[in-house]
Amino acid sequence: MTIKFNNLYASLGEAFYASLDPDPLPNPQSVILNEDALGLIDLTINSFSDEDLRDFLSGSLMPKGSEPLAMVYSGHQFGGYSPRLGDGRGLLMGQVRNKTGELWDLHLKGSGKTPFSRMGDGRAVLRSCIREYLASEALFALGIATTRALSIVTSDEPVRRETIENASMLMRLSRSHIRFGSFEYFSYTEQHNELRQLCDYTILNHFPQCSEQDNPYDALLLAATEKTALLIAHWQAFGFAHGVMNTDNMSIIGQTFDYGPYGFMESYDPYYICNHSDDQGRYAFCQQPNIGYWNCQALAQALSPLISKEGPEKMRALYQETYNQCYHGLMVRKLGLTKPHPSDKQLYEDLLDLLEGNKIDYSNFFRALSHYKISEDASSLTNLQSCANSFNPWFMRYKERLISEKSCQETRHKNMCAINPKYILRNYLAQRAIQQAEMGDYQELTRLFMVLKNPYAEQPDHQAYAADTPPWGQNLQISCSS
């Protein structure tokens, strides 16, 4: 097995991590492999023997050049500061620079205890691995910034969560595993030389344009803020709730990171809480833009030894402007509008109120709207037939708006179907795949993965995956252990 490692993070020194090997899974069994993700590091399925690939992905084979390490960081968790966290069940196995110059982290999740495990066993379970695998690839296919999933391997090693489950591992890829909490750790422990070193590393490898600015650290804060605002605007427009937006779960490069009790919006509810452990609703769907802003403020505070007094004020203005512009642009596109008008914001806000009041499926409504014809009224959308009278006044305004910009039905249909997905990862779909996988049958997992890879396509053979969530799947409880 040959993987060309280029382990730049390891060169920072052991103030930034603890070096250790993974604890291999006993009797490993391959569950699923993402060949597209394998290609990101210039490899194919033919680059390995089946045994070598399985052993590497389960922690028992260490390729030449790998330098496994657990990264140290801290973070604000549900608003309270935890001074020392770190990789408690995962290892950065190494970094690979591919032929196009991209640097990719290979991170093995579920690799055993580390110095940062606290009371944990350092393992992941099949359920949590499947949820992250599916979600990261689903968001990627939707066009939302995310880590990527490479593989899942399971075993017969028992671990206790709510019940006894099988220990498993997920290998994921990311351009960076540095978190907001990485900077908080060095700032609040007053390791300011290391804080500067981490900033310089991040600028060099992820935001090189910042080095050209008068204050590169101000520029880093602004670059991370912009990426974060863009990410959360996409979450809101596509109805995605992360569930645990702690600063240690926020990627410095603005990727969706550390999937746990996430959920896609089904019946539209701005107060949707996908994590049943979130008793206060801190990370409710409608709170995500504010929490993103709060987290950027926490990052600014962590960088305060290096940034100017004006840096936080610039950050605040940039976050609001970037988020508002991006979210507005996405929502206008979802409505198929191409020529800006002052009434557009009110148009989609009123629509969201109607969706909430009538408990209409968010994604399925917009997909159905993609096929709307100006000659029709609300009852032409099958999911509105029981409440068409409530929607008809809005549709009159929408129709007038389309006529005012001389909307072409064919073009609008094409453009709307390219931003309003037919297929999203509903929790019940993931749960069904998990239940079958836990019995050793991975066919549904593979099938669902293939459907989610093409969320905007019609896929006539898979219509059932686009249906509204059945009653039994509408109130599934998802916890942080997921």
Protein backbone atom coordinates (compact mmCIF):
# COMPACT_ATOMS: atom_id res chain seq x y z
CA MET A 1 0.00 0.00 0.00
CA THR A 2 1.44 3.37 -1.05
CA ILE A 3 -0.01 6.64 0.17
CA LYS A 4 2.02 9.79 -0.37
CA PHE A 5 1.80 11.56 2.97
CA ASN A 6 2.73 15.20 3.53
CA ASN A 7 2.16 15.64 7.25
CA LEU A 8 2.40 19.39 7.74
CA TYR A 9 0.28 19.54 10.88
CA ALA A 10 2.54 17.04 12.64
CA SER A 11 5.45 19.39 12.00
CA LEU A 12 3.90 21.98 14.34
CA GLY A 13 5.16 20.02 17.34
CA GLU A 14 3.64 18.12 20.24
CA ALA A 15 2.11 21.17 21.90
CA PHE A 16 -0.58 20.70 19.28
CA TYR A 17 -1.31 16.99 19.67
CA ALA A 18 -0.55 13.65 21.27
CA SER A 19 1.09 11.02 19.08
CA LEU A 20 -0.32 7.49 19.31
CA ASP A 21 -1.39 4.59 17.14
CA PRO A 22 -5.02 3.55 16.68
CA ASP A 23 -6.46 0.63 18.64
CA PRO A 24 -7.43 -1.78 15.83
CA LEU A 25 -10.89 -3.24 15.55
CA PRO A 26 -11.05 -7.01 16.14
CA ASN A 27 -12.45 -9.08 13.29
CA PRO A 28 -13.06 -6.04 11.06
CA GLN A 29 -15.74 -6.18 8.39
CA SER A 30 -16.01 -3.68 5.53
CA VAL A 31 -19.41 -1.97 5.36
CA ILE A 32 -19.12 0.62 2.59
CA LEU A 33 -16.42 2.43 0.61
CA ASN A 34 -16.72 5.72 -1.26
CA GLU A 35 -14.61 5.44 -4.39
CA ASP A 36 -15.20 9.10 -5.26
CA ALA A 37 -13.61 10.15 -1.97
CA LEU A 38 -10.74 7.73 -2.57
CA GLY A 39 -10.04 9.61 -5.79
CA LEU A 40 -9.52 12.84 -3.83
CA ILE A 41 -6.19 11.43 -2.65
CA ASP A 42 -5.28 10.02 -6.08
CA LEU A 43 -6.15 6.43 -5.21
CA THR A 44 -8.51 3.85 -6.68
CA ILE A 45 -9.98 0.61 -5.42
CA ASN A 46 -7.22 -1.15 -7.35
CA SER A 47 -4.50 0.65 -5.36
CA PHE A 48 -4.80 -1.93 -2.55
CA SER A 49 -5.54 -5.51 -1.90
CA ASP A 50 -8.92 -6.00 -0.22
CA GLU A 51 -7.20 -7.12 2.96
CA ASP A 52 -4.77 -4.18 3.10
CA LEU A 53 -7.55 -1.66 2.51
CA ARG A 54 -9.75 -3.17 5.21
CA ASP A 55 -6.84 -3.35 7.67
CA PHE A 56 -5.86 0.28 7.05
CA LEU A 57 -9.43 1.49 7.46
CA SER A 58 -9.81 -0.49 10.69
CA GLY A 59 -6.56 0.74 12.26
CA SER A 60 -4.43 -2.39 12.10
CA LEU A 61 -2.22 -1.45 9.13
CA MET A 62 -0.12 1.70 9.31
CA PRO A 63 1.06 2.78 5.84
CA LYS A 64 4.58 4.09 5.53
CA GLY A 65 4.65 7.82 6.20
CA SER A 66 1.54 7.99 8.38
CA GLU A 67 1.94 9.88 11.65
CA PRO A 68 -1.25 9.31 13.68
CA LEU A 69 -2.03 11.95 16.27
CA ALA A 70 -4.88 13.23 18.41
CA MET A 71 -5.32 16.99 18.09
CA VAL A 72 -5.75 19.13 21.20
CA TYR A 73 -8.39 21.85 21.43
CA SER A 74 -10.96 23.30 23.78
CA GLY A 75 -14.37 24.82 23.12
CA HIS A 76 -17.61 26.39 24.23
CA GLN A 77 -20.14 23.59 24.64
CA PHE A 78 -23.76 24.75 24.89
CA GLY A 79 -22.37 28.16 25.86
CA GLY A 80 -20.09 26.97 28.67
CA TYR A 81 -16.31 26.85 28.24
CA SER A 82 -14.55 23.46 28.44
CA PRO A 83 -10.83 24.20 28.79
CA ARG A 84 -9.41 20.95 27.41
CA LEU A 85 -11.14 18.68 24.94
CA GLY A 86 -9.23 17.23 21.98
CA ASP A 87 -9.72 14.18 19.79
CA GLY A 88 -11.21 11.69 22.23
CA ARG A 89 -12.15 9.00 19.72
CA GLY A 90 -10.35 9.91 16.53
CA LEU A 91 -6.89 10.31 15.06
CA LEU A 92 -5.47 12.38 12.26
CA MET A 93 -3.68 9.55 10.45
CA GLY A 94 -1.80 11.85 8.12
CA GLN A 95 -2.15 14.36 5.32
CA VAL A 96 -1.98 13.80 1.58
CA ARG A 97 -1.36 16.42 -1.10
CA ASN A 98 -3.00 15.27 -4.32
CA LYS A 99 -1.98 15.95 -7.91
CA THR A 100 -3.98 19.18 -8.05
CA GLY A 101 -2.18 20.55 -4.99
CA GLU A 102 -5.01 20.03 -2.50
CA LEU A 103 -4.00 18.99 1.03
CA TRP A 104 -6.36 16.40 2.53
CA ASP A 105 -6.51 15.17 6.13
CA LEU A 106 -7.22 11.47 6.68
CA HIS A 107 -9.07 11.20 9.98
CA LEU A 108 -10.02 7.87 11.55
CA LYS A 109 -13.03 8.17 13.85
CA GLY A 110 -13.57 5.47 16.48
CA SER A 111 -9.89 4.62 16.72
CA GLY A 112 -9.75 4.08 20.49
CA LYS A 113 -8.86 5.96 23.64
CA THR A 114 -6.57 8.99 23.55
CA PRO A 115 -5.29 11.32 26.29
CA PHE A 116 -8.39 13.43 25.56
CA SER A 117 -11.00 10.66 25.91
CA ARG A 118 -11.93 11.61 29.48
CA MET A 119 -14.50 8.97 30.50
CA GLY A 120 -15.16 7.74 26.96
CA ASP A 121 -14.16 4.44 25.39
CA GLY A 122 -12.76 6.07 22.24
CA ARG A 123 -15.02 4.10 19.94
CA ALA A 124 -17.66 4.99 17.42
CA VAL A 125 -20.62 2.72 16.72
CA LEU A 126 -22.09 1.59 13.42
CA ARG A 127 -25.12 3.83 13.88
CA SER A 128 -23.07 7.02 14.27
CA CYS A 129 -20.71 6.09 11.43
CA ILE A 130 -23.59 5.51 9.03
CA ARG A 131 -25.22 8.79 9.97
CA GLU A 132 -22.02 10.75 9.35
CA TYR A 133 -21.21 8.87 6.16
CA LEU A 134 -24.63 9.53 4.64
CA ALA A 135 -24.95 13.12 5.82
CA SER A 136 -21.55 14.32 4.68
CA GLU A 137 -22.02 12.85 1.22
CA ALA A 138 -25.62 14.11 1.03
CA LEU A 139 -24.54 17.67 1.83
CA PHE A 140 -21.69 17.45 -0.64
CA ALA A 141 -24.12 16.44 -3.38
CA LEU A 142 -26.35 19.38 -2.46
CA GLY A 143 -23.43 21.76 -2.86
CA ILE A 144 -22.95 22.52 0.85
CA ALA A 145 -19.40 22.70 2.24
CA THR A 146 -18.62 19.56 4.23
CA THR A 147 -16.10 16.96 5.22
CA ARG A 148 -16.19 13.84 3.05
CA ALA A 149 -16.75 10.21 4.04
CA LEU A 150 -14.37 7.55 2.77
CA SER A 151 -15.34 4.31 4.50
CA ILE A 152 -17.01 2.44 7.34
CA VAL A 153 -15.65 -0.70 8.96
CA THR A 154 -17.45 -2.52 11.77
CA SER A 155 -16.56 -5.34 14.18
CA ASP A 156 -17.93 -7.66 16.84
CA GLU A 157 -16.43 -5.62 19.70
CA PRO A 158 -19.29 -4.62 22.07
CA VAL A 159 -19.53 -1.04 23.34
CA ARG A 160 -22.25 0.50 25.48
CA ARG A 161 -24.27 3.53 24.43
CA GLU A 162 -27.99 3.54 25.19
CA THR A 163 -27.69 -0.20 24.45
CA ILE A 164 -24.84 -2.55 23.52
CA GLU A 165 -23.66 -1.81 19.98
CA ASN A 166 -20.79 -2.85 17.73
CA ALA A 167 -17.60 -0.79 17.68
CA SER A 168 -16.99 0.69 14.23
CA MET A 169 -14.71 3.15 12.48
CA LEU A 170 -15.27 5.85 9.90
CA MET A 171 -12.48 7.32 7.80
CA ARG A 172 -13.26 10.87 6.71
CA LEU A 173 -11.42 13.40 4.60
CA SER A 174 -11.21 17.13 5.11
CA ARG A 175 -9.05 19.98 3.91
CA SER A 176 -8.58 20.79 7.62
CA HIS A 177 -9.57 19.49 11.05
CA ILE A 178 -8.68 22.76 12.79
CA ARG A 179 -11.58 24.11 14.83
CA PHE A 180 -12.49 27.40 16.45
CA GLY A 181 -11.72 25.60 19.69
CA SER A 182 -8.14 24.95 18.55
CA PHE A 183 -7.45 28.69 18.78
CA GLU A 184 -9.39 29.00 22.04
CA TYR A 185 -7.18 26.38 23.67
CA PHE A 186 -3.93 28.19 23.00
CA SER A 187 -5.39 31.62 23.74
CA TYR A 188 -6.92 30.77 27.10
CA THR A 189 -3.88 28.81 28.26
CA GLU A 190 -1.83 31.88 27.32
CA GLN A 191 0.33 29.93 24.88
CA HIS A 192 0.47 32.92 22.58
CA ASN A 193 3.52 31.78 20.62
CA GLU A 194 1.66 28.57 19.78
CA LEU A 195 -1.47 30.59 18.96
CA ARG A 196 0.52 32.63 16.48
CA GLN A 197 2.09 29.44 15.09
CA LEU A 198 -1.36 27.89 14.56
CA CYS A 199 -2.59 31.05 12.85
CA ASP A 200 0.44 31.12 10.57
CA TYR A 201 -0.10 27.47 9.66
CA THR A 202 -3.77 28.09 8.92
CA ILE A 203 -3.04 31.13 6.78
CA LEU A 204 -0.29 29.39 4.84
CA ASN A 205 -2.31 26.25 4.08
CA HIS A 206 -5.91 27.46 3.94
CA PHE A 207 -6.06 31.24 3.53
CA PRO A 208 -2.84 32.27 1.75
CA GLN A 209 -4.46 35.52 0.58
CA CYS A 210 -4.46 36.70 4.20
CA SER A 211 -0.66 36.89 4.26
CA GLU A 212 -0.81 39.82 1.84
CA GLN A 213 -2.88 41.98 4.22
CA ASP A 214 -1.52 44.59 6.65
CA ASN A 215 -2.71 42.47 9.58
CA PRO A 216 -2.86 38.82 8.47
CA TYR A 217 -4.59 37.80 11.69
CA ASP A 218 -7.43 40.27 11.17
CA ALA A 219 -7.70 38.87 7.66
CA LEU A 220 -7.81 35.30 9.02
CA LEU A 221 -10.66 36.20 11.36
CA LEU A 222 -12.58 37.79 8.51
CA ALA A 223 -11.93 34.89 6.13
CA ALA A 224 -13.16 32.33 8.69
CA THR A 225 -16.17 34.54 9.46
CA GLU A 226 -17.12 34.80 5.80
CA LYS A 227 -16.86 31.03 5.31
CA THR A 228 -18.97 30.42 8.41
CA ALA A 229 -21.70 32.86 7.36
CA LEU A 230 -21.86 31.31 3.88
CA LEU A 231 -22.11 27.82 5.37
CA ILE A 232 -24.95 28.65 7.72
CA ALA A 233 -26.86 30.53 5.03
CA HIS A 234 -26.80 27.30 3.03
CA TRP A 235 -27.93 25.28 6.04
CA GLN A 236 -30.92 27.59 6.48
CA ALA A 237 -31.89 27.63 2.81
CA PHE A 238 -31.72 23.84 2.52
CA GLY A 239 -33.37 23.14 5.87
CA PHE A 240 -30.40 21.49 7.58
CA ALA A 241 -30.01 21.56 11.37
CA HIS A 242 -26.59 20.62 12.76
CA GLY A 243 -27.64 20.08 16.35
CA VAL A 244 -24.38 20.72 18.23
CA MET A 245 -22.81 24.00 17.12
CA ASN A 246 -20.21 24.07 19.88
CA THR A 247 -17.04 25.97 18.98
CA ASP A 248 -15.10 22.71 19.00
CA ASN A 249 -17.44 21.51 16.23
CA MET A 250 -16.91 24.57 14.03
CA SER A 251 -14.40 24.19 11.20
CA ILE A 252 -12.04 27.11 10.63
CA ILE A 253 -12.49 26.64 6.87
CA GLY A 254 -16.30 26.72 7.04
CA GLN A 255 -17.17 23.08 6.44
CA THR A 256 -20.03 21.15 8.01
CA PHE A 257 -18.15 19.24 10.64
CA ASP A 258 -18.65 16.57 13.33
CA TYR A 259 -22.04 15.15 12.42
CA GLY A 260 -24.11 13.90 15.34
CA PRO A 261 -27.80 14.51 16.06
CA TYR A 262 -28.37 16.48 12.84
CA GLY A 263 -31.64 16.55 10.96
CA PHE A 264 -33.09 17.86 7.73
CA MET A 265 -36.23 19.94 8.05
CA GLU A 266 -39.32 17.91 7.17
CA SER A 267 -42.58 19.71 8.09
CA TYR A 268 -41.42 23.30 8.25
CA ASP A 269 -40.82 24.42 11.83
CA PRO A 270 -38.34 27.24 12.49
CA TYR A 271 -38.05 26.07 16.11
CA TYR A 272 -37.06 22.55 15.08
CA ILE A 273 -34.64 20.95 17.57
CA CYS A 274 -32.95 17.88 16.12
CA ASN A 275 -30.94 16.99 19.25
CA HIS A 276 -33.17 15.72 22.05
CA SER A 277 -30.35 16.51 24.50
CA ASP A 278 -30.74 20.24 23.68
CA ASP A 279 -33.34 20.94 26.36
CA GLN A 280 -33.12 24.73 26.02
CA GLY A 281 -33.19 24.82 22.24
CA ARG A 282 -29.86 26.63 22.01
CA TYR A 283 -29.20 24.99 18.64
CA ALA A 284 -32.73 25.08 17.26
CA PHE A 285 -32.92 25.60 13.51
CA CYS A 286 -33.89 29.28 13.75
CA GLN A 287 -31.02 29.93 16.18
CA GLN A 288 -28.25 28.71 13.87
CA PRO A 289 -27.48 32.11 12.26
CA ASN A 290 -27.19 33.73 15.70
CA ILE A 291 -25.07 30.89 17.06
CA GLY A 292 -22.78 31.13 14.03
CA TYR A 293 -22.32 34.82 14.87
CA TRP A 294 -21.76 33.97 18.56
CA ASN A 295 -19.10 31.45 17.60
CA CYS A 296 -17.32 33.98 15.39
CA GLN A 297 -17.27 36.35 18.36
CA ALA A 298 -15.69 33.55 20.41
CA LEU A 299 -13.07 33.12 17.69
CA ALA A 300 -12.39 36.86 17.72
CA GLN A 301 -11.91 36.72 21.48
CA ALA A 302 -9.49 33.82 21.10
CA LEU A 303 -7.50 35.77 18.50
CA SER A 304 -7.49 38.98 20.58
CA PRO A 305 -3.75 38.74 21.41
CA LEU A 306 -3.01 39.01 17.67
CA ILE A 307 -5.76 41.05 16.02
CA SER A 308 -6.39 44.79 15.99
CA LYS A 309 -9.03 46.54 18.08
CA GLU A 310 -11.02 47.06 14.87
CA GLY A 311 -10.98 43.35 13.99
CA PRO A 312 -14.06 42.25 15.98
CA GLU A 313 -16.14 45.16 14.67
CA LYS A 314 -15.21 44.29 11.09
CA MET A 315 -16.09 40.68 11.84
CA ARG A 316 -19.55 41.57 13.12
CA ALA A 317 -20.39 43.66 10.06
CA LEU A 318 -19.01 41.06 7.65
CA TYR A 319 -20.93 38.19 9.21
CA GLN A 320 -24.28 39.93 9.00
CA GLU A 321 -23.73 41.22 5.48
CA THR A 322 -22.44 37.90 4.14
CA TYR A 323 -25.16 35.81 5.76
CA ASN A 324 -28.00 38.09 4.71
CA GLN A 325 -26.83 38.40 1.10
CA CYS A 326 -26.19 34.69 0.68
CA TYR A 327 -29.41 33.52 2.32
CA HIS A 328 -31.48 36.05 0.37
CA GLY A 329 -29.83 34.99 -2.88
CA LEU A 330 -30.49 31.32 -2.23
CA MET A 331 -34.13 31.84 -1.29
CA VAL A 332 -34.78 33.99 -4.37
CA ARG A 333 -33.22 31.27 -6.53
CA LYS A 334 -35.40 28.64 -4.83
CA LEU A 335 -38.41 30.69 -5.96
CA GLY A 336 -37.08 30.80 -9.52
CA LEU A 337 -36.71 34.58 -9.55
CA THR A 338 -33.89 36.16 -11.53
CA LYS A 339 -34.48 39.92 -11.43
CA PRO A 340 -34.20 41.51 -7.97
CA HIS A 341 -37.24 43.28 -6.55
CA PRO A 342 -37.71 44.93 -3.13
CA SER A 343 -40.69 42.70 -2.39
CA ASP A 344 -38.76 39.42 -2.69
CA LYS A 345 -37.76 39.15 0.98
CA GLN A 346 -41.33 39.63 2.13
CA LEU A 347 -42.49 37.11 -0.46
CA TYR A 348 -40.38 34.24 0.86
CA GLU A 349 -40.84 35.20 4.51
CA ASP A 350 -44.62 35.10 4.08
CA LEU A 351 -44.27 31.77 2.33
CA LEU A 352 -42.31 30.32 5.26
CA ASP A 353 -45.05 31.48 7.63
CA LEU A 354 -47.60 29.61 5.50
CA LEU A 355 -45.45 26.46 5.44
CA GLU A 356 -45.12 26.61 9.21
CA GLY A 357 -48.79 27.28 9.86
CA ASN A 358 -49.91 24.43 7.62
CA LYS A 359 -47.11 21.98 8.55
CA ILE A 360 -46.00 21.55 4.94
CA ASP A 361 -42.90 19.53 4.07
CA TYR A 362 -40.18 22.09 3.30
CA SER A 363 -38.14 20.31 0.65
CA ASN A 364 -41.08 18.68 -1.09
CA PHE A 365 -42.93 21.99 -1.32
CA PHE A 366 -40.06 23.72 -3.11
CA ARG A 367 -39.55 20.77 -5.41
CA ALA A 368 -43.24 20.83 -6.31
CA LEU A 369 -43.05 24.60 -6.81
CA SER A 370 -40.32 23.98 -9.36
CA HIS A 371 -43.01 22.48 -11.62
CA TYR A 372 -45.57 25.24 -11.03
CA LYS A 373 -47.18 26.89 -14.07
CA ILE A 374 -48.43 30.47 -14.05
CA SER A 375 -51.86 29.31 -15.19
CA GLU A 376 -52.31 27.22 -12.03
CA ASP A 377 -53.31 27.97 -8.45
CA ALA A 378 -52.21 26.48 -5.13
CA SER A 379 -54.33 23.35 -5.54
CA SER A 380 -52.14 22.25 -8.44
CA LEU A 381 -49.50 21.28 -5.86
CA THR A 382 -50.63 17.96 -4.45
CA ASN A 383 -49.17 18.66 -1.00
CA LEU A 384 -51.30 21.84 -0.75
CA GLN A 385 -54.65 20.47 -1.81
CA SER A 386 -56.01 20.36 1.74
CA CYS A 387 -55.01 23.96 2.45
CA ALA A 388 -55.10 25.62 -0.99
CA ASN A 389 -57.34 28.46 0.21
CA SER A 390 -54.66 29.54 2.67
CA PHE A 391 -52.02 29.62 -0.04
CA ASN A 392 -53.98 31.09 -2.94
CA PRO A 393 -53.38 34.77 -2.01
CA TRP A 394 -49.65 34.10 -1.85
CA PHE A 395 -49.74 32.34 -5.20
CA MET A 396 -51.45 35.37 -6.74
CA ARG A 397 -48.52 37.54 -5.60
CA TYR A 398 -46.03 34.94 -6.82
CA LYS A 399 -47.76 34.74 -10.19
CA GLU A 400 -47.64 38.53 -10.56
CA ARG A 401 -43.97 38.49 -9.65
CA LEU A 402 -43.22 35.88 -12.32
CA ILE A 403 -45.19 37.80 -14.94
CA SER A 404 -43.40 41.05 -14.05
CA GLU A 405 -40.02 39.56 -14.95
CA LYS A 406 -41.37 37.71 -17.98
CA SER A 407 -40.41 34.36 -16.49
CA CYS A 408 -39.86 31.54 -18.98
CA GLN A 409 -41.50 28.37 -17.62
CA GLU A 410 -38.96 25.98 -19.14
CA THR A 411 -35.95 27.95 -17.92
CA ARG A 412 -37.45 28.51 -14.48
CA HIS A 413 -38.26 24.81 -14.12
CA LYS A 414 -34.69 23.86 -15.00
CA ASN A 415 -33.14 26.42 -12.66
CA MET A 416 -35.43 25.59 -9.74
CA CYS A 417 -34.87 21.85 -10.05
CA ALA A 418 -31.14 22.56 -9.83
CA ILE A 419 -31.47 24.17 -6.38
CA ASN A 420 -34.55 22.46 -4.90
CA PRO A 421 -33.61 18.83 -4.22
CA LYS A 422 -36.02 15.99 -4.72
CA TYR A 423 -34.12 13.78 -2.28
CA ILE A 424 -32.87 14.71 1.18
CA LEU A 425 -31.55 12.54 4.00
CA ARG A 426 -34.62 12.15 6.18
CA ASN A 427 -33.96 10.64 9.60
CA TYR A 428 -36.27 7.72 8.97
CA LEU A 429 -34.37 6.81 5.78
CA ALA A 430 -31.12 6.81 7.70
CA GLN A 431 -32.71 4.81 10.52
CA ARG A 432 -34.01 2.17 8.12
CA ALA A 433 -30.54 1.75 6.60
CA ILE A 434 -29.00 1.57 10.08
CA GLN A 435 -31.40 -1.11 11.31
CA GLN A 436 -30.66 -3.33 8.32
CA ALA A 437 -26.90 -2.71 8.58
CA GLU A 438 -26.93 -3.69 12.24
CA MET A 439 -28.30 -7.06 11.10
CA GLY A 440 -25.46 -7.41 8.59
CA ASP A 441 -27.38 -6.30 5.49
CA TYR A 442 -25.75 -3.27 3.83
CA GLN A 443 -27.83 -3.19 0.65
CA GLU A 444 -30.19 -0.46 1.83
CA LEU A 445 -27.25 1.67 3.00
CA THR A 446 -25.64 1.39 -0.43
CA ARG A 447 -28.92 2.08 -2.21
CA LEU A 448 -29.68 5.16 -0.10
CA PHE A 449 -26.14 6.44 -0.60
CA MET A 450 -26.53 6.17 -4.38
CA VAL A 451 -29.88 8.00 -4.31
CA LEU A 452 -28.45 10.84 -2.22
CA LYS A 453 -25.53 11.28 -4.61
CA ASN A 454 -27.99 12.69 -7.17
CA PRO A 455 -30.46 14.73 -5.11
CA TYR A 456 -31.62 16.96 -7.96
CA ALA A 457 -32.28 14.18 -10.50
CA GLU A 458 -35.75 12.68 -10.92
CA GLN A 459 -34.59 9.04 -10.46
CA PRO A 460 -37.92 7.42 -11.48
CA ASP A 461 -36.96 4.08 -9.91
CA HIS A 462 -36.56 5.65 -6.46
CA GLN A 463 -39.69 7.78 -6.04
CA ALA A 464 -40.39 6.32 -2.60
CA TYR A 465 -37.28 8.03 -1.21
CA ALA A 466 -38.81 11.43 -2.04
CA ALA A 467 -42.13 10.89 -0.24
CA ASP A 468 -43.17 12.86 2.83
CA THR A 469 -41.98 11.24 6.04
CA PRO A 470 -44.42 8.57 7.30
CA PRO A 471 -45.95 9.05 10.78
CA TRP A 472 -43.66 6.49 12.42
CA GLY A 473 -40.57 8.41 11.28
CA GLN A 474 -41.64 11.93 12.22
CA ASN A 475 -40.54 12.00 15.85
CA LEU A 476 -37.36 9.95 15.95
CA GLN A 477 -35.17 10.88 18.92
CA ILE A 478 -31.56 11.57 17.95
CA SER A 479 -28.95 12.11 20.67
CA CYS A 480 -25.34 13.30 20.77
CA SER A 481 -24.24 9.65 20.91
CA SER A 482 -25.58 9.33 17.36
